[in-house]
PDB file of N, CA and C in Angstrom:
ATOM      1  N   MET A   1      14.986   1.858  26.232  1.00  0.00           N
ATOM      2  CA  MET A   1      15.571   1.018  25.263  1.00  0.00           C
ATOM      3  C   MET A   1      14.598   0.772  24.081  1.00  0.00           C
ATOM      4  N   PHE A   2      13.322   0.767  24.391  1.00  0.00           N
ATOM      5  CA  PHE A   2      12.331   0.537  23.219  1.00  0.00           C
ATOM      6  C   PHE A   2      12.326   1.738  22.388  1.00  0.00           C
ATOM      7  N   GLY A   3      12.384   2.906  22.965  1.00  0.00           N
ATOM      8  CA  GLY A   3      12.459   4.117  22.068  1.00  0.00           C
ATOM      9  C   GLY A   3      13.592   4.200  21.173  1.00  0.00           C
ATOM     10  N   LEU A   4      14.797   3.762  21.648  1.00  0.00           N
ATOM     11  CA  LEU A   4      16.017   3.728  20.980  1.00  0.00           C
ATOM     12  C   LEU A   4      15.815   2.721  19.692  1.00  0.00           C
ATOM     13  N   VAL A   5      15.365   1.585  20.016  1.00  0.00           N
ATOM     14  CA  VAL A   5      15.171   0.513  18.973  1.00  0.00           C
ATOM     15  C   VAL A   5      14.116   1.003  17.831  1.00  0.00           C
ATOM     16  N   PHE A   6      12.998   1.596  18.373  1.00  0.00           N
ATOM     17  CA  PHE A   6      12.004   2.156  17.530  1.00  0.00           C
ATOM     18  C   PHE A   6      12.606   3.238  16.576  1.00  0.00           C
ATOM     19  N   GLY A   7      13.306   4.138  17.127  1.00  0.00           N
ATOM     20  CA  GLY A   7      13.874   5.199  16.454  1.00  0.00           C
ATOM     21  C   GLY A   7      14.814   4.704  15.339  1.00  0.00           C
ATOM     22  N   VAL A   8      15.840   3.812  15.767  1.00  0.00           N
ATOM     23  CA  VAL A   8      16.758   3.285  14.826  1.00  0.00           C
ATOM     24  C   VAL A   8      15.971   2.479  13.687  1.00  0.00           C
ATOM     25  N   MET A   9      15.059   1.730  13.980  1.00  0.00           N
ATOM     26  CA  MET A   9      14.241   1.009  12.851  1.00  0.00           C
ATOM     27  C   MET A   9      13.592   1.908  12.058  1.00  0.00           C
ATOM     28  N   LEU A  10      12.909   2.965  12.643  1.00  0.00           N
ATOM     29  CA  LEU A  10      12.127   3.942  11.953  1.00  0.00           C
ATOM     30  C   LEU A  10      13.108   4.611  10.903  1.00  0.00           C
ATOM     31  N   PHE A  11      14.192   5.160  11.313  1.00  0.00           N
ATOM     32  CA  PHE A  11      15.148   5.827  10.403  1.00  0.00           C
ATOM     33  C   PHE A  11      15.879   4.858   9.431  1.00  0.00           C
ATOM     34  N   MET A  12      16.122   3.665   9.765  1.00  0.00           N
ATOM     35  CA  MET A  12      16.533   2.673   8.774  1.00  0.00           C
ATOM     36  C   MET A  12      15.626   2.445   7.604  1.00  0.00           C
ATOM     37  N   VAL A  13      14.418   2.309   8.026  1.00  0.00           N
ATOM     38  CA  VAL A  13      13.356   2.088   6.961  1.00  0.00           C
ATOM     39  C   VAL A  13      13.158   3.352   6.141  1.00  0.00           C
ATOM     40  N   ALA A  14      13.155   4.525   6.781  1.00  0.00           N
ATOM     41  CA  ALA A  14      13.089   5.778   6.129  1.00  0.00           C
ATOM     42  C   ALA A  14      14.224   6.037   5.136  1.00  0.00           C
ATOM     43  N   PHE A  15      15.444   5.667   5.542  1.00  0.00           N
ATOM     44  CA  PHE A  15      16.561   5.778   4.657  1.00  0.00           C
ATOM     45  C   PHE A  15      16.505   4.944   3.424  1.00  0.00           C
ATOM     46  N   ILE A  16      15.948   3.636   3.700  1.00  0.00           N
ATOM     47  CA  ILE A  16      15.860   2.798   2.563  1.00  0.00           C
ATOM     48  C   ILE A  16      14.825   3.341   1.599  1.00  0.00           C
ATOM     49  N   ASP A  17      13.682   3.864   2.120  1.00  0.00           N
ATOM     50  CA  ASP A  17      12.647   4.509   1.228  1.00  0.00           C
ATOM     51  C   ASP A  17      13.200   5.752   0.555  1.00  0.00           C
ATOM     52  N   VAL A  18      13.974   6.659   1.219  1.00  0.00           N
ATOM     53  CA  VAL A  18      14.657   7.751   0.594  1.00  0.00           C
ATOM     54  C   VAL A  18      15.539   7.262  -0.654  1.00  0.00           C
ATOM     55  N   TYR A  19      16.318   6.200  -0.379  1.00  0.00           N
ATOM     56  CA  TYR A  19      17.127   5.727  -1.491  1.00  0.00           C
ATOM     57  C   TYR A  19      16.323   5.155  -2.655  1.00  0.00           C
ATOM     58  N   LEU A  20      15.309   4.422  -2.369  1.00  0.00           N
ATOM     59  CA  LEU A  20      14.549   3.726  -3.340  1.00  0.00           C
ATOM     60  C   LEU A  20      13.643   4.677  -4.135  1.00  0.00           C
ATOM     61  N   TYR A  21      13.007   5.716  -3.446  1.00  0.00           N
ATOM     62  CA  TYR A  21      11.999   6.530  -4.048  1.00  0.00           C
ATOM     63  C   TYR A  21      12.607   7.989  -4.391  1.00  0.00           C
ATOM     64  N   LYS A  22      13.840   8.142  -4.005  1.00  0.00           N
ATOM     65  CA  LYS A  22      14.511   9.406  -4.247  1.00  0.00           C
ATOM     66  C   LYS A  22      13.716  10.612  -3.716  1.00  0.00           C
ATOM     67  N   SER A  23      13.380  10.475  -2.470  1.00  0.00           N
ATOM     68  CA  SER A  23      12.537  11.566  -1.831  1.00  0.00           C
ATOM     69  C   SER A  23      13.260  12.152  -0.555  1.00  0.00           C
ATOM     70  N   ASP A  24      12.469  12.855   0.185  1.00  0.00           N
ATOM     71  CA  ASP A  24      12.966  13.592   1.316  1.00  0.00           C
ATOM     72  C   ASP A  24      12.907  12.742   2.624  1.00  0.00           C
ATOM     73  N   LEU A  25      13.849  12.731   3.442  1.00  0.00           N
ATOM     74  CA  LEU A  25      13.827  11.915   4.718  1.00  0.00           C
ATOM     75  C   LEU A  25      12.654  12.171   5.566  1.00  0.00           C
ATOM     76  N   PHE A  26      12.362  13.496   5.810  1.00  0.00           N
ATOM     77  CA  PHE A  26      11.129  13.770   6.761  1.00  0.00           C
ATOM     78  C   PHE A  26       9.872  13.482   6.044  1.00  0.00           C
ATOM     79  N   PHE A  27       9.813  13.527   4.776  1.00  0.00           N
ATOM     80  CA  PHE A  27       8.586  13.036   4.124  1.00  0.00           C
ATOM     81  C   PHE A  27       8.311  11.594   4.325  1.00  0.00           C
ATOM     82  N   GLU A  28       9.408  10.856   4.174  1.00  0.00           N
ATOM     83  CA  GLU A  28       9.257   9.346   4.362  1.00  0.00           C
ATOM     84  C   GLU A  28       8.990   8.909   5.849  1.00  0.00           C
ATOM     85  N   VAL A  29       9.575   9.719   6.840  1.00  0.00           N
ATOM     86  CA  VAL A  29       9.258   9.440   8.317  1.00  0.00           C
ATOM     87  C   VAL A  29       7.771   9.802   8.551  1.00  0.00           C
ATOM     88  N   GLY A  30       7.357  10.916   8.009  1.00  0.00           N
ATOM     89  CA  GLY A  30       5.923  11.291   8.109  1.00  0.00           C
ATOM     90  C   GLY A  30       5.019  10.253   7.452  1.00  0.00           C
ATOM     91  N   ARG A  31       5.448   9.679   6.364  1.00  0.00           N
ATOM     92  CA  ARG A  31       4.620   8.725   5.621  1.00  0.00           C
ATOM     93  C   ARG A  31       4.516   7.387   6.472  1.00  0.00           C
ATOM     94  N   ILE A  32       5.640   7.019   7.163  1.00  0.00           N
ATOM     95  CA  ILE A  32       5.663   5.870   7.908  1.00  0.00           C
ATOM     96  C   ILE A  32       4.732   5.963   9.128  1.00  0.00           C
ATOM     97  N   LEU A  33       4.695   7.224   9.759  1.00  0.00           N
ATOM     98  CA  LEU A  33       3.943   7.386  10.975  1.00  0.00           C
ATOM     99  C   LEU A  33       2.602   7.860  10.732  1.00  0.00           C
ATOM    100  N   TYR A  34       2.248   8.302   9.545  1.00  0.00           N
ATOM    101  CA  TYR A  34       0.885   8.819   9.350  1.00  0.00           C
ATOM    102  C   TYR A  34      -0.089   7.652   9.289  1.00  0.00           C
ATOM    103  N   MET A  35      -1.292   7.929  10.052  1.00  0.00           N
ATOM    104  CA  MET A  35      -2.327   6.885  10.120  1.00  0.00           C
ATOM    105  C   MET A  35      -3.453   7.408   9.330  1.00  0.00           C
ATOM    106  N   GLU A  36      -3.686   6.859   8.154  1.00  0.00           N
ATOM    107  CA  GLU A  36      -4.624   7.221   7.195  1.00  0.00           C
ATOM    108  C   GLU A  36      -5.994   6.484   7.574  1.00  0.00           C
ATOM    109  N   PRO A  37      -7.150   7.111   7.657  1.00  0.00           N
ATOM    110  CA  PRO A  37      -8.388   6.375   7.935  1.00  0.00           C
ATOM    111  C   PRO A  37      -8.722   5.304   6.837  1.00  0.00           C
ATOM    112  N   GLY A  38      -9.122   4.189   7.366  1.00  0.00           N
ATOM    113  CA  GLY A  38      -9.491   3.174   6.426  1.00  0.00           C
ATOM    114  C   GLY A  38      -8.390   2.087   6.172  1.00  0.00           C
ATOM    115  N   THR A  39      -7.329   2.309   6.666  1.00  0.00           N
ATOM    116  CA  THR A  39      -6.076   1.446   6.491  1.00  0.00           C
ATOM    117  C   THR A  39      -5.857   0.691   7.759  1.00  0.00           C
ATOM    118  N   ASN A  40      -4.979  -0.332   7.761  1.00  0.00           N
ATOM    119  CA  ASN A  40      -4.666  -1.060   8.883  1.00  0.00           C
ATOM    120  C   ASN A  40      -3.324  -0.680   9.490  1.00  0.00           C
ATOM    121  N   VAL A  41      -2.963   0.575   9.295  1.00  0.00           N
ATOM    122  CA  VAL A  41      -1.764   1.107   9.939  1.00  0.00           C
ATOM    123  C   VAL A  41      -1.918   1.169  11.450  1.00  0.00           C
ATOM    124  N   TRP A  42      -3.154   1.339  11.926  1.00  0.00           N
ATOM    125  CA  TRP A  42      -3.365   1.326  13.368  1.00  0.00           C
ATOM    126  C   TRP A  42      -2.863   0.078  14.090  1.00  0.00           C
ATOM    127  N   MET A  43      -2.857  -1.036  13.308  1.00  0.00           N
ATOM    128  CA  MET A  43      -2.285  -2.323  13.836  1.00  0.00           C
ATOM    129  C   MET A  43      -0.849  -2.179  14.195  1.00  0.00           C
ATOM    130  N   VAL A  44      -0.172  -1.477  13.350  1.00  0.00           N
ATOM    131  CA  VAL A  44       1.266  -1.333  13.569  1.00  0.00           C
ATOM    132  C   VAL A  44       1.482  -0.582  14.896  1.00  0.00           C
ATOM    133  N   HIS A  45       0.735   0.580  15.103  1.00  0.00           N
ATOM    134  CA  HIS A  45       0.817   1.326  16.327  1.00  0.00           C
ATOM    135  C   HIS A  45       0.471   0.539  17.573  1.00  0.00           C
ATOM    136  N   VAL A  46      -0.618  -0.236  17.387  1.00  0.00           N
ATOM    137  CA  VAL A  46      -1.025  -1.031  18.563  1.00  0.00           C
ATOM    138  C   VAL A  46       0.070  -2.010  19.016  1.00  0.00           C
ATOM    139  N   PHE A  47       0.558  -2.715  18.063  1.00  0.00           N
ATOM    140  CA  PHE A  47       1.760  -3.569  18.350  1.00  0.00           C
ATOM    141  C   PHE A  47       2.932  -2.890  18.871  1.00  0.00           C
ATOM    142  N   LEU A  48       3.256  -1.737  18.387  1.00  0.00           N
ATOM    143  CA  LEU A  48       4.280  -0.951  18.938  1.00  0.00           C
ATOM    144  C   LEU A  48       3.999  -0.524  20.373  1.00  0.00           C
ATOM    145  N   GLY A  49       2.710  -0.130  20.614  1.00  0.00           N
ATOM    146  CA  GLY A  49       2.342   0.139  22.026  1.00  0.00           C
ATOM    147  C   GLY A  49       2.434  -1.032  23.000  1.00  0.00           C
ATOM    148  N   VAL A  50       2.118  -2.197  22.460  1.00  0.00           N
ATOM    149  CA  VAL A  50       2.109  -3.386  23.299  1.00  0.00           C
ATOM    150  C   VAL A  50       3.541  -3.708  23.535  1.00  0.00           C
ATOM    151  N   GLY A  51       4.457  -3.534  22.595  1.00  0.00           N
ATOM    152  CA  GLY A  51       5.900  -3.770  22.779  1.00  0.00           C
ATOM    153  C   GLY A  51       6.484  -2.754  23.740  1.00  0.00           C
ATOM    154  N   LEU A  52       6.134  -1.512  23.708  1.00  0.00           N
ATOM    155  CA  LEU A  52       6.503  -0.578  24.700  1.00  0.00           C
ATOM    156  C   LEU A  52       6.048  -0.988  26.007  1.00  0.00           C
ATOM    157  N   LEU A  53       4.821  -1.258  26.239  1.00  0.00           N
ATOM    158  CA  LEU A  53       4.335  -1.597  27.499  1.00  0.00           C
ATOM    159  C   LEU A  53       5.006  -2.886  28.062  1.00  0.00           C
ATOM    160  N   TYR A  54       5.322  -3.878  27.220  1.00  0.00           N
ATOM    161  CA  TYR A  54       6.037  -5.245  27.612  1.00  0.00           C
ATOM    162  C   TYR A  54       7.387  -4.869  28.107  1.00  0.00           C
ATOM    163  N   SER A  55       8.040  -3.948  27.295  1.00  0.00           N
ATOM    164  CA  SER A  55       9.501  -3.641  27.742  1.00  0.00           C
ATOM    165  C   SER A  55       9.549  -2.817  29.073  1.00  0.00           C
ATOM    166  N   VAL A  56       8.622  -1.932  29.261  1.00  0.00           N
ATOM    167  CA  VAL A  56       8.585  -1.182  30.524  1.00  0.00           C
ATOM    168  C   VAL A  56       8.282  -2.179  31.614  1.00  0.00           C
ATOM    169  N   LEU A  57       7.332  -3.076  31.508  1.00  0.00           N
ATOM    170  CA  LEU A  57       7.015  -4.012  32.646  1.00  0.00           C
ATOM    171  C   LEU A  57       8.190  -4.983  32.920  1.00  0.00           C
ATOM    172  N   MET A  58       8.831  -5.420  31.869  1.00  0.00           N
ATOM    173  CA  MET A  58       9.952  -6.241  32.007  1.00  0.00           C
ATOM    174  C   MET A  58      11.080  -5.518  32.798  1.00  0.00           C
ATOM    175  N   SER A  59      11.282  -4.286  32.399  1.00  0.00           N
ATOM    176  CA  SER A  59      12.243  -3.475  33.046  1.00  0.00           C
ATOM    177  C   SER A  59      11.992  -3.304  34.542  1.00  0.00           C
ATOM    178  N   ILE A  60      10.732  -2.901  34.723  1.00  0.00           N
ATOM    179  CA  ILE A  60      10.297  -2.843  36.268  1.00  0.00           C
ATOM    180  C   ILE A  60      10.470  -4.111  37.052  1.00  0.00           C
ATOM    181  N   ARG A  61      10.113  -5.222  36.372  1.00  0.00           N
ATOM    182  CA  ARG A  61      10.246  -6.537  36.893  1.00  0.00           C
ATOM    183  C   ARG A  61      11.721  -6.920  37.290  1.00  0.00           C
ATOM    184  N   SER A  62      12.624  -6.570  36.351  1.00  0.00           N
ATOM    185  CA  SER A  62      14.033  -6.945  36.669  1.00  0.00           C
ATOM    186  C   SER A  62      14.549  -5.948  37.758  1.00  0.00           C
ATOM    187  N   LYS A  63      14.147  -4.732  37.779  1.00  0.00           N
ATOM    188  CA  LYS A  63      14.576  -3.804  38.743  1.00  0.00           C
ATOM    189  C   LYS A  63      14.138  -4.343  40.204  1.00  0.00           C
ATOM    190  N   LEU A  64      12.841  -4.750  40.204  1.00  0.00           N
ATOM    191  CA  LEU A  64      12.284  -5.256  41.467  1.00  0.00           C
ATOM    192  C   LEU A  64      13.068  -6.509  41.960  1.00  0.00           C
ATOM    193  N   LYS A  65      13.432  -7.429  40.925  1.00  0.00           N
ATOM    194  CA  LYS A  65      14.249  -8.617  41.389  1.00  0.00           C
ATOM    195  C   LYS A  65      15.633  -8.228  41.875  1.00  0.00           C
ATOM    196  N   GLN A  66      16.289  -7.277  41.270  1.00  0.00           N
ATOM    197  CA  GLN A  66      17.525  -6.730  41.790  1.00  0.00           C
ATOM    198  C   GLN A  66      17.367  -6.217  43.182  1.00  0.00           C
ATOM    199  N   PHE A  67      16.396  -5.373  43.366  1.00  0.00           N
ATOM    200  CA  PHE A  67      16.081  -4.786  44.630  1.00  0.00           C
ATOM    201  C   PHE A  67      15.841  -5.895  45.684  1.00  0.00           C
ATOM    202  N   GLY A  68      15.203  -6.899  45.393  1.00  0.00           N
ATOM    203  CA  GLY A  68      14.861  -7.950  46.316  1.00  0.00           C
ATOM    204  C   GLY A  68      16.030  -8.742  46.690  1.00  0.00           C
ATOM    205  N   LYS A  69      16.964  -8.931  45.847  1.00  0.00           N
ATOM    206  CA  LYS A  69      18.270  -9.673  46.017  1.00  0.00           C
ATOM    207  C   LYS A  69      19.179  -8.873  46.997  1.00  0.00           C
ATOM    208  N   ARG A  70      19.073  -7.608  46.891  1.00  0.00           N
ATOM    209  CA  ARG A  70      20.066  -6.702  47.808  1.00  0.00           C
ATOM    210  C   ARG A  70      19.524  -6.743  49.265  1.00  0.00           C
ATOM    211  N   SER A  71      18.289  -6.929  49.471  1.00  0.00           N
ATOM    212  CA  SER A  71      17.797  -6.862  50.969  1.00  0.00           C
ATOM    213  C   SER A  71      18.108  -8.125  51.705  1.00  0.00           C
TER     214      SER A  71
END
């Protein structure tokens, strides 16, 4: 689910950038995901990783609760 939300948000922002800057879609996606040394873009990737980890853990937790109720 996290991957789907991330992908949709990524392409929505990229489409907005394509419209505003009149550029190519793949260029804008690359610019969003590119980590340039000396910038704080790594923070975005860290928070995305934390969100991914959280969503996976919550999914596992809910599956374990469902499994426990069946027994």
